[in-house]
Amino acid sequence: MVGPERVRFVPLGQVALHADMLFRRHRDAIARVLPLARVEHVGATAMPGGLTKGDVDLCVLVEAGAPLAPQGSGRGDMAGV
């Protein structure tokens, strides 16, 4: 039997640069696949001065019918993200 999840919160200052770098990396990878998507950094790592578990939350908004990057364009690969 697995016990309850233990969560440790840290001040954002300890992870802010890393969280921002991860957001930008994932935002850019998503843009390669969904060029018209709007990608927002949300959650505790997006709010200055907060406490965070260290995870980075994204909100990806895409209009119905928005085009994907063309196949074979090299833009549809999110490997390594």
PDB file of N, CA and C in Angstrom:
ATOM      1  N   MET A   1       0.830  -1.170   0.000  1.00  0.00           N
ATOM      2  CA  MET A   1       0.000   0.000   0.000  1.00  0.00           C
ATOM      3  C   MET A   1       0.882   1.243   0.000  1.00  0.00           C
ATOM      4  N   VAL A   2       0.511   2.200  -0.798  1.00  0.00           N
ATOM      5  CA  VAL A   2       1.264   3.443  -0.904  1.00  0.00           C
ATOM      6  C   VAL A   2       0.661   4.467   0.041  1.00  0.00           C
ATOM      7  N   GLY A   3       1.521   5.161   0.763  1.00  0.00           N
ATOM      8  CA  GLY A   3       1.058   6.177   1.696  1.00  0.00           C
ATOM      9  C   GLY A   3       0.673   7.460   0.989  1.00  0.00           C
ATOM     10  N   PRO A   4       0.259   8.444   1.739  1.00  0.00           N
ATOM     11  CA  PRO A   4      -0.137   9.724   1.155  1.00  0.00           C
ATOM     12  C   PRO A   4       1.068  10.420   0.515  1.00  0.00           C
ATOM     13  N   GLU A   5       0.769  11.182  -0.511  1.00  0.00           N
ATOM     14  CA  GLU A   5       1.824  11.940  -1.178  1.00  0.00           C
ATOM     15  C   GLU A   5       2.347  13.009  -0.234  1.00  0.00           C
ATOM     16  N   ARG A   6       3.654  13.153  -0.187  1.00  0.00           N
ATOM     17  CA  ARG A   6       4.258  14.200   0.634  1.00  0.00           C
ATOM     18  C   ARG A   6       4.702  15.311  -0.309  1.00  0.00           C
ATOM     19  N   VAL A   7       4.252  16.493  -0.029  1.00  0.00           N
ATOM     20  CA  VAL A   7       4.566  17.645  -0.863  1.00  0.00           C
ATOM     21  C   VAL A   7       5.418  18.608  -0.066  1.00  0.00           C
ATOM     22  N   ARG A   8       6.472  19.086  -0.690  1.00  0.00           N
ATOM     23  CA  ARG A   8       7.362  20.054  -0.040  1.00  0.00           C
ATOM     24  C   ARG A   8       7.316  21.347  -0.845  1.00  0.00           C
ATOM     25  N   PHE A   9       6.898  22.418  -0.230  1.00  0.00           N
ATOM     26  CA  PHE A   9       6.852  23.708  -0.894  1.00  0.00           C
ATOM     27  C   PHE A   9       8.154  24.458  -0.637  1.00  0.00           C
ATOM     28  N   VAL A  10       8.604  25.185  -1.660  1.00  0.00           N
ATOM     29  CA  VAL A  10       9.816  25.992  -1.536  1.00  0.00           C
ATOM     30  C   VAL A  10       9.497  27.401  -2.026  1.00  0.00           C
ATOM     31  N   PRO A  11      10.233  28.398  -1.546  1.00  0.00           N
ATOM     32  CA  PRO A  11      10.047  29.751  -2.072  1.00  0.00           C
ATOM     33  C   PRO A  11      10.382  29.768  -3.567  1.00  0.00           C
ATOM     34  N   LEU A  12       9.603  30.513  -4.322  1.00  0.00           N
ATOM     35  CA  LEU A  12       9.789  30.568  -5.770  1.00  0.00           C
ATOM     36  C   LEU A  12      11.201  30.979  -6.153  1.00  0.00           C
ATOM     37  N   GLY A  13      11.811  31.843  -5.372  1.00  0.00           N
ATOM     38  CA  GLY A  13      13.161  32.302  -5.688  1.00  0.00           C
ATOM     39  C   GLY A  13      14.159  31.172  -5.876  1.00  0.00           C
ATOM     40  N   GLN A  14      13.929  30.043  -5.222  1.00  0.00           N
ATOM     41  CA  GLN A  14      14.853  28.908  -5.330  1.00  0.00           C
ATOM     42  C   GLN A  14      14.747  28.191  -6.669  1.00  0.00           C
ATOM     43  N   VAL A  15      13.631  28.346  -7.368  1.00  0.00           N
ATOM     44  CA  VAL A  15      13.439  27.599  -8.620  1.00  0.00           C
ATOM     45  C   VAL A  15      13.001  28.488  -9.781  1.00  0.00           C
ATOM     46  N   ALA A  16      12.919  29.797  -9.577  1.00  0.00           N
ATOM     47  CA  ALA A  16      12.349  30.703 -10.580  1.00  0.00           C
ATOM     48  C   ALA A  16      13.073  30.650 -11.921  1.00  0.00           C
ATOM     49  N   LEU A  17      14.382  30.715 -11.926  1.00  0.00           N
ATOM     50  CA  LEU A  17      15.116  30.707 -13.204  1.00  0.00           C
ATOM     51  C   LEU A  17      14.917  29.395 -13.944  1.00  0.00           C
ATOM     52  N   HIS A  18      14.969  28.301 -13.226  1.00  0.00           N
ATOM     53  CA  HIS A  18      14.770  26.993 -13.852  1.00  0.00           C
ATOM     54  C   HIS A  18      13.343  26.855 -14.386  1.00  0.00           C
ATOM     55  N   ALA A  19      12.360  27.304 -13.610  1.00  0.00           N
ATOM     56  CA  ALA A  19      10.963  27.229 -14.039  1.00  0.00           C
ATOM     57  C   ALA A  19      10.740  28.055 -15.294  1.00  0.00           C
ATOM     58  N   ASP A  20      11.323  29.252 -15.348  1.00  0.00           N
ATOM     59  CA  ASP A  20      11.169  30.095 -16.536  1.00  0.00           C
ATOM     60  C   ASP A  20      11.821  29.453 -17.758  1.00  0.00           C
ATOM     61  N   MET A  21      12.983  28.854 -17.570  1.00  0.00           N
ATOM     62  CA  MET A  21      13.670  28.182 -18.669  1.00  0.00           C
ATOM     63  C   MET A  21      12.831  27.009 -19.182  1.00  0.00           C
ATOM     64  N   LEU A  22      12.252  26.229 -18.266  1.00  0.00           N
ATOM     65  CA  LEU A  22      11.404  25.112 -18.677  1.00  0.00           C
ATOM     66  C   LEU A  22      10.162  25.596 -19.419  1.00  0.00           C
ATOM     67  N   PHE A  23       9.541  26.671 -18.920  1.00  0.00           N
ATOM     68  CA  PHE A  23       8.380  27.219 -19.611  1.00  0.00           C
ATOM     69  C   PHE A  23       8.748  27.607 -21.040  1.00  0.00           C
ATOM     70  N   ARG A  24       9.829  28.362 -21.212  1.00  0.00           N
ATOM     71  CA  ARG A  24      10.218  28.805 -22.559  1.00  0.00           C
ATOM     72  C   ARG A  24      10.529  27.620 -23.475  1.00  0.00           C
ATOM     73  N   ARG A  25      11.188  26.605 -22.946  1.00  0.00           N
ATOM     74  CA  ARG A  25      11.520  25.425 -23.751  1.00  0.00           C
ATOM     75  C   ARG A  25      10.248  24.730 -24.236  1.00  0.00           C
ATOM     76  N   HIS A  26       9.297  24.517 -23.323  1.00  0.00           N
ATOM     77  CA  HIS A  26       8.055  23.842 -23.703  1.00  0.00           C
ATOM     78  C   HIS A  26       7.184  24.721 -24.597  1.00  0.00           C
ATOM     79  N   ARG A  27       7.131  26.027 -24.323  1.00  0.00           N
ATOM     80  CA  ARG A  27       6.377  26.948 -25.172  1.00  0.00           C
ATOM     81  C   ARG A  27       6.891  26.898 -26.608  1.00  0.00           C
ATOM     82  N   ASP A  28       8.205  26.918 -26.767  1.00  0.00           N
ATOM     83  CA  ASP A  28       8.798  26.891 -28.110  1.00  0.00           C
ATOM     84  C   ASP A  28       8.537  25.562 -28.804  1.00  0.00           C
ATOM     85  N   ALA A  29       8.604  24.458 -28.058  1.00  0.00           N
ATOM     86  CA  ALA A  29       8.332  23.139 -28.643  1.00  0.00           C
ATOM     87  C   ALA A  29       6.870  23.025 -29.079  1.00  0.00           C
ATOM     88  N   ILE A  30       5.963  23.546 -28.264  1.00  0.00           N
ATOM     89  CA  ILE A  30       4.541  23.518 -28.625  1.00  0.00           C
ATOM     90  C   ILE A  30       4.302  24.378 -29.860  1.00  0.00           C
ATOM     91  N   ALA A  31       4.952  25.529 -29.940  1.00  0.00           N
ATOM     92  CA  ALA A  31       4.788  26.427 -31.089  1.00  0.00           C
ATOM     93  C   ALA A  31       5.261  25.769 -32.385  1.00  0.00           C
ATOM     94  N   ARG A  32       6.227  24.865 -32.291  1.00  0.00           N
ATOM     95  CA  ARG A  32       6.685  24.160 -33.502  1.00  0.00           C
ATOM     96  C   ARG A  32       5.597  23.234 -34.034  1.00  0.00           C
ATOM     97  N   VAL A  33       4.766  22.697 -33.154  1.00  0.00           N
ATOM     98  CA  VAL A  33       3.708  21.775 -33.558  1.00  0.00           C
ATOM     99  C   VAL A  33       2.398  22.513 -33.816  1.00  0.00           C
ATOM    100  N   LEU A  34       2.113  23.502 -32.980  1.00  0.00           N
ATOM    101  CA  LEU A  34       0.869  24.282 -33.075  1.00  0.00           C
ATOM    102  C   LEU A  34       1.239  25.765 -33.199  1.00  0.00           C
ATOM    103  N   PRO A  35       1.603  26.196 -34.406  1.00  0.00           N
ATOM    104  CA  PRO A  35       2.140  27.552 -34.568  1.00  0.00           C
ATOM    105  C   PRO A  35       1.185  28.670 -34.146  1.00  0.00           C
ATOM    106  N   LEU A  36      -0.112  28.440 -34.153  1.00  0.00           N
ATOM    107  CA  LEU A  36      -1.072  29.491 -33.783  1.00  0.00           C
ATOM    108  C   LEU A  36      -1.547  29.385 -32.338  1.00  0.00           C
ATOM    109  N   ALA A  37      -1.004  28.447 -31.587  1.00  0.00           N
ATOM    110  CA  ALA A  37      -1.420  28.264 -30.190  1.00  0.00           C
ATOM    111  C   ALA A  37      -0.913  29.406 -29.324  1.00  0.00           C
ATOM    112  N   ARG A  38      -1.673  29.694 -28.299  1.00  0.00           N
ATOM    113  CA  ARG A  38      -1.243  30.638 -27.266  1.00  0.00           C
ATOM    114  C   ARG A  38      -0.861  29.813 -26.048  1.00  0.00           C
ATOM    115  N   VAL A  39       0.364  29.956 -25.608  1.00  0.00           N
ATOM    116  CA  VAL A  39       0.874  29.175 -24.479  1.00  0.00           C
ATOM    117  C   VAL A  39       1.146  30.131 -23.324  1.00  0.00           C
ATOM    118  N   GLU A  40       0.491  29.869 -22.208  1.00  0.00           N
ATOM    119  CA  GLU A  40       0.618  30.724 -21.020  1.00  0.00           C
ATOM    120  C   GLU A  40       1.290  29.952 -19.891  1.00  0.00           C
ATOM    121  N   HIS A  41       2.126  30.653 -19.145  1.00  0.00           N
ATOM    122  CA  HIS A  41       2.746  30.102 -17.944  1.00  0.00           C
ATOM    123  C   HIS A  41       1.792  30.415 -16.799  1.00  0.00           C
ATOM    124  N   VAL A  42       1.232  29.400 -16.170  1.00  0.00           N
ATOM    125  CA  VAL A  42       0.244  29.583 -15.106  1.00  0.00           C
ATOM    126  C   VAL A  42       0.716  28.853 -13.849  1.00  0.00           C
ATOM    127  N   GLY A  43       0.009  29.030 -12.762  1.00  0.00           N
ATOM    128  CA  GLY A  43       0.341  28.314 -11.529  1.00  0.00           C
ATOM    129  C   GLY A  43       1.342  29.077 -10.683  1.00  0.00           C
ATOM    130  N   ALA A  44       1.792  28.434  -9.632  1.00  0.00           N
ATOM    131  CA  ALA A  44       2.634  29.091  -8.629  1.00  0.00           C
ATOM    132  C   ALA A  44       3.957  29.593  -9.186  1.00  0.00           C
ATOM    133  N   THR A  45       4.571  28.881 -10.138  1.00  0.00           N
ATOM    134  CA  THR A  45       5.861  29.343 -10.664  1.00  0.00           C
ATOM    135  C   THR A  45       5.714  30.569 -11.548  1.00  0.00           C
ATOM    136  N   ALA A  46       4.490  30.927 -11.903  1.00  0.00           N
ATOM    137  CA  ALA A  46       4.254  32.120 -12.719  1.00  0.00           C
ATOM    138  C   ALA A  46       3.949  33.351 -11.864  1.00  0.00           C
ATOM    139  N   MET A  47       3.816  33.161 -10.550  1.00  0.00           N
ATOM    140  CA  MET A  47       3.441  34.269  -9.658  1.00  0.00           C
ATOM    141  C   MET A  47       4.625  34.657  -8.777  1.00  0.00           C
ATOM    142  N   PRO A  48       5.116  35.876  -8.926  1.00  0.00           N
ATOM    143  CA  PRO A  48       6.260  36.312  -8.111  1.00  0.00           C
ATOM    144  C   PRO A  48       5.975  36.203  -6.612  1.00  0.00           C
ATOM    145  N   GLY A  49       6.967  35.731  -5.883  1.00  0.00           N
ATOM    146  CA  GLY A  49       6.879  35.704  -4.433  1.00  0.00           C
ATOM    147  C   GLY A  49       6.087  34.572  -3.831  1.00  0.00           C
ATOM    148  N   GLY A  50       5.633  33.640  -4.637  1.00  0.00           N
ATOM    149  CA  GLY A  50       4.804  32.565  -4.112  1.00  0.00           C
ATOM    150  C   GLY A  50       5.592  31.377  -3.615  1.00  0.00           C
ATOM    151  N   LEU A  51       4.858  30.386  -3.147  1.00  0.00           N
ATOM    152  CA  LEU A  51       5.432  29.094  -2.776  1.00  0.00           C
ATOM    153  C   LEU A  51       5.076  28.105  -3.880  1.00  0.00           C
ATOM    154  N   THR A  52       5.962  27.183  -4.157  1.00  0.00           N
ATOM    155  CA  THR A  52       5.741  26.243  -5.244  1.00  0.00           C
ATOM    156  C   THR A  52       6.247  24.862  -4.882  1.00  0.00           C
ATOM    157  N   LYS A  53       5.669  23.857  -5.534  1.00  0.00           N
ATOM    158  CA  LYS A  53       6.197  22.494  -5.440  1.00  0.00           C
ATOM    159  C   LYS A  53       7.333  22.330  -6.430  1.00  0.00           C
ATOM    160  N   GLY A  54       7.488  23.306  -7.331  1.00  0.00           N
ATOM    161  CA  GLY A  54       8.565  23.249  -8.313  1.00  0.00           C
ATOM    162  C   GLY A  54       8.119  22.784  -9.684  1.00  0.00           C
ATOM    163  N   ASP A  55       6.840  22.382  -9.809  1.00  0.00           N
ATOM    164  CA  ASP A  55       6.360  21.978 -11.127  1.00  0.00           C
ATOM    165  C   ASP A  55       5.968  23.221 -11.922  1.00  0.00           C
ATOM    166  N   VAL A  56       5.977  23.100 -13.246  1.00  0.00           N
ATOM    167  CA  VAL A  56       5.645  24.211 -14.127  1.00  0.00           C
ATOM    168  C   VAL A  56       4.334  23.877 -14.832  1.00  0.00           C
ATOM    169  N   ASP A  57       3.339  24.752 -14.657  1.00  0.00           N
ATOM    170  CA  ASP A  57       2.023  24.544 -15.258  1.00  0.00           C
ATOM    171  C   ASP A  57       1.879  25.422 -16.491  1.00  0.00           C
ATOM    172  N   LEU A  58       1.356  24.829 -17.550  1.00  0.00           N
ATOM    173  CA  LEU A  58       1.114  25.549 -18.797  1.00  0.00           C
ATOM    174  C   LEU A  58      -0.363  25.470 -19.148  1.00  0.00           C
ATOM    175  N   CYS A  59      -0.846  26.512 -19.806  1.00  0.00           N
ATOM    176  CA  CYS A  59      -2.179  26.518 -20.389  1.00  0.00           C
ATOM    177  C   CYS A  59      -1.978  26.729 -21.883  1.00  0.00           C
ATOM    178  N   VAL A  60      -2.450  25.789 -22.687  1.00  0.00           N
ATOM    179  CA  VAL A  60      -2.306  25.877 -24.142  1.00  0.00           C
ATOM    180  C   VAL A  60      -3.684  26.101 -24.736  1.00  0.00           C
ATOM    181  N   LEU A  61      -3.849  27.231 -25.409  1.00  0.00           N
ATOM    182  CA  LEU A  61      -5.121  27.589 -26.026  1.00  0.00           C
ATOM    183  C   LEU A  61      -4.988  27.501 -27.540  1.00  0.00           C
ATOM    184  N   VAL A  62      -5.878  26.711 -28.147  1.00  0.00           N
ATOM    185  CA  VAL A  62      -5.846  26.515 -29.588  1.00  0.00           C
ATOM    186  C   VAL A  62      -7.269  26.624 -30.115  1.00  0.00           C
ATOM    187  N   GLU A  63      -7.472  27.433 -31.133  1.00  0.00           N
ATOM    188  CA  GLU A  63      -8.800  27.538 -31.723  1.00  0.00           C
ATOM    189  C   GLU A  63      -9.116  26.259 -32.484  1.00  0.00           C
ATOM    190  N   ALA A  64     -10.384  25.883 -32.463  1.00  0.00           N
ATOM    191  CA  ALA A  64     -10.822  24.702 -33.223  1.00  0.00           C
ATOM    192  C   ALA A  64     -10.431  24.877 -34.684  1.00  0.00           C
ATOM    193  N   GLY A  65      -9.851  23.843 -35.242  1.00  0.00           N
ATOM    194  CA  GLY A  65      -9.465  23.870 -36.652  1.00  0.00           C
ATOM    195  C   GLY A  65      -8.123  24.523 -36.916  1.00  0.00           C
ATOM    196  N   ALA A  66      -7.417  24.959 -35.873  1.00  0.00           N
ATOM    197  CA  ALA A  66      -6.100  25.575 -36.085  1.00  0.00           C
ATOM    198  C   ALA A  66      -5.164  24.566 -36.741  1.00  0.00           C
ATOM    199  N   PRO A  67      -4.355  25.022 -37.696  1.00  0.00           N
ATOM    200  CA  PRO A  67      -3.477  24.093 -38.409  1.00  0.00           C
ATOM    201  C   PRO A  67      -2.316  23.607 -37.549  1.00  0.00           C
ATOM    202  N   LEU A  68      -1.916  22.383 -37.827  1.00  0.00           N
ATOM    203  CA  LEU A  68      -0.690  21.844 -37.244  1.00  0.00           C
ATOM    204  C   LEU A  68       0.454  22.219 -38.167  1.00  0.00           C
ATOM    205  N   ALA A  69       1.674  22.142 -37.669  1.00  0.00           N
ATOM    206  CA  ALA A  69       2.829  22.360 -38.531  1.00  0.00           C
ATOM    207  C   ALA A  69       2.818  21.286 -39.618  1.00  0.00           C
ATOM    208  N   PRO A  70       3.215  21.644 -40.843  1.00  0.00           N
ATOM    209  CA  PRO A  70       3.212  20.644 -41.932  1.00  0.00           C
ATOM    210  C   PRO A  70       4.107  19.455 -41.604  1.00  0.00           C
ATOM    211  N   GLN A  71       3.664  18.268 -42.005  1.00  0.00           N
ATOM    212  CA  GLN A  71       4.470  17.052 -41.835  1.00  0.00           C
ATOM    213  C   GLN A  71       5.751  17.210 -42.637  1.00  0.00           C
ATOM    214  N   GLY A  72       6.862  16.767 -42.057  1.00  0.00           N
ATOM    215  CA  GLY A  72       8.144  16.835 -42.753  1.00  0.00           C
ATOM    216  C   GLY A  72       8.797  18.200 -42.681  1.00  0.00           C
ATOM    217  N   SER A  73       8.176  19.163 -41.984  1.00  0.00           N
ATOM    218  CA  SER A  73       8.758  20.502 -41.892  1.00  0.00           C
ATOM    219  C   SER A  73       9.849  20.561 -40.828  1.00  0.00           C
ATOM    220  N   GLY A  74       9.958  19.466 -40.037  1.00  0.00           N
ATOM    221  CA  GLY A  74      10.907  19.479 -38.933  1.00  0.00           C
ATOM    222  C   GLY A  74      10.365  20.216 -37.728  1.00  0.00           C
ATOM    223  N   ARG A  75       9.158  20.754 -37.856  1.00  0.00           N
ATOM    224  CA  ARG A  75       8.570  21.539 -36.779  1.00  0.00           C
ATOM    225  C   ARG A  75       7.665  20.710 -35.899  1.00  0.00           C
ATOM    226  N   GLY A  76       7.340  19.484 -36.290  1.00  0.00           N
ATOM    227  CA  GLY A  76       6.388  18.698 -35.537  1.00  0.00           C
ATOM    228  C   GLY A  76       7.019  17.792 -34.504  1.00  0.00           C
ATOM    229  N   ASP A  77       8.301  17.952 -34.252  1.00  0.00           N
ATOM    230  CA  ASP A  77       8.997  17.048 -33.338  1.00  0.00           C
ATOM    231  C   ASP A  77       9.183  17.702 -31.975  1.00  0.00           C
ATOM    232  N   MET A  78       8.628  17.065 -30.936  1.00  0.00           N
ATOM    233  CA  MET A  78       8.810  17.574 -29.582  1.00  0.00           C
ATOM    234  C   MET A  78       9.785  16.702 -28.798  1.00  0.00           C
ATOM    235  N   ALA A  79      10.506  15.825 -29.477  1.00  0.00           N
ATOM    236  CA  ALA A  79      11.456  14.950 -28.799  1.00  0.00           C
ATOM    237  C   ALA A  79      12.499  15.786 -28.066  1.00  0.00           C
ATOM    238  N   GLY A  80      12.875  15.342 -26.932  1.00  0.00           N
ATOM    239  CA  GLY A  80      13.905  16.013 -26.158  1.00  0.00           C
ATOM    240  C   GLY A  80      13.408  17.164 -25.316  1.00  0.00           C
ATOM    241  N   VAL A  81      12.101  17.392 -25.298  1.00  0.00           N
ATOM    242  CA  VAL A  81      11.565  18.496 -24.499  1.00  0.00           C
ATOM    243  C   VAL A  81      11.399  18.018 -23.078  1.00  0.00           C
TER     244      VAL A  81
END
